[in-house]
Amino acid sequence: MKWEGQRQSDNVEDRRAGGGGGGIRLGGGRGIGIGTIIIAVLASWIFGINPLTVLGVLGGGGPVAAPQSQGPAARPPATDEAAAFVSTVLADTEDVWGKIMQSSGTRYSEPKLVLFRGAVGTACGTGQSAMGPFYCPGDQKVYLDMQFFDTLRSRMGAPGDFAQAYVVAHEVAHHVQNQLGITGKVDSMRGRVSEQQMNALSVRVELQADCFAGVWANHSQKSKGWLERGDLEEAMNAAAQIGDDNLQRKSQGTIVPESFTHGTSQQRMTWFRRGLESGSVQQCNTFDAQRL
């Protein structure tokens, strides 16, 4: 991926030098013990569930309170190549989604991307590195501990810079969903449908985010031509490696389809490819699709 020399985003906050604030506390002042946090982290790795959601459910379903305020974040050092790469990918998602939104008569609100290490305070609660990358709609920020990329390469079998770009694009896609009102509509169903139905809705949300990531890749390549031989295969492989069926097979030896929250490997590749080949947001309506 020929990313060097491209524009870098100004929307990157580097919080790696500081800590993440206090523990997680739910509405009503009830704290969550370390055992609950471990369950949430295990669930995130096994099932692909956002641990912030798991913590809310295990703590009684209440909303997660906002963390204590933090000081202003610094910009990543100019010598940090990994941060420069992430900043470059984020900048391109800004360009692509800005144009797509503008063509539909909407202004794109750019998200922030927060680099952290260990733990970080968010409007959705305290984020932990073991959660992997996640998006918090409460503050409209993507959170990333870049050690996840090492895990992606060494433990999950998904190396390559475009695999990393796919991860960033997928999380940004959740921001796009939030801006389009999709996130709010799905969240409003929580508590009104069964857990299994909620999981099925989550699968459609995640597959749409994969499709949106493909839409970004389509427009990005057309404007920059920066993909090299093997880059698309890296992204497809990353999508396959983090499919629910693959993660469950590796972690527990059995597959439980009703617990899926992100979709199978094949589904994730299919919807990413659909966005990639079409470049059309309209082709990413997973909610009306009869077959995923």
Foldseek 3Di string as FASTA:
>chain_A
DQQPPADFAPQEFEAAVDAAADAWAFPPGHGDDPVQLVVLLVCCQQFVDQSLCSSCVVVPNGATAFGDDDDGGDQDDPPPPVSRLLRSLLVLLQVLVQVVQVVVVHGDDRAHEYEYAAWHTDRSTIDGQSNAWAADLRRRYIYHHPCVQVCLVPVLPQHDSLLVSLVSQLRVLVSVCVVVVNVVVLVVCVPVDDPLVNLVSLQLSQLLSLLSSLLSLQVSCVVPVRDDPCSVVSNLSSLQSPANQNSNCVPPVDHDVSSHRHHHSVSSSVSNVQSNVPSDSVSSNSVPDPPD
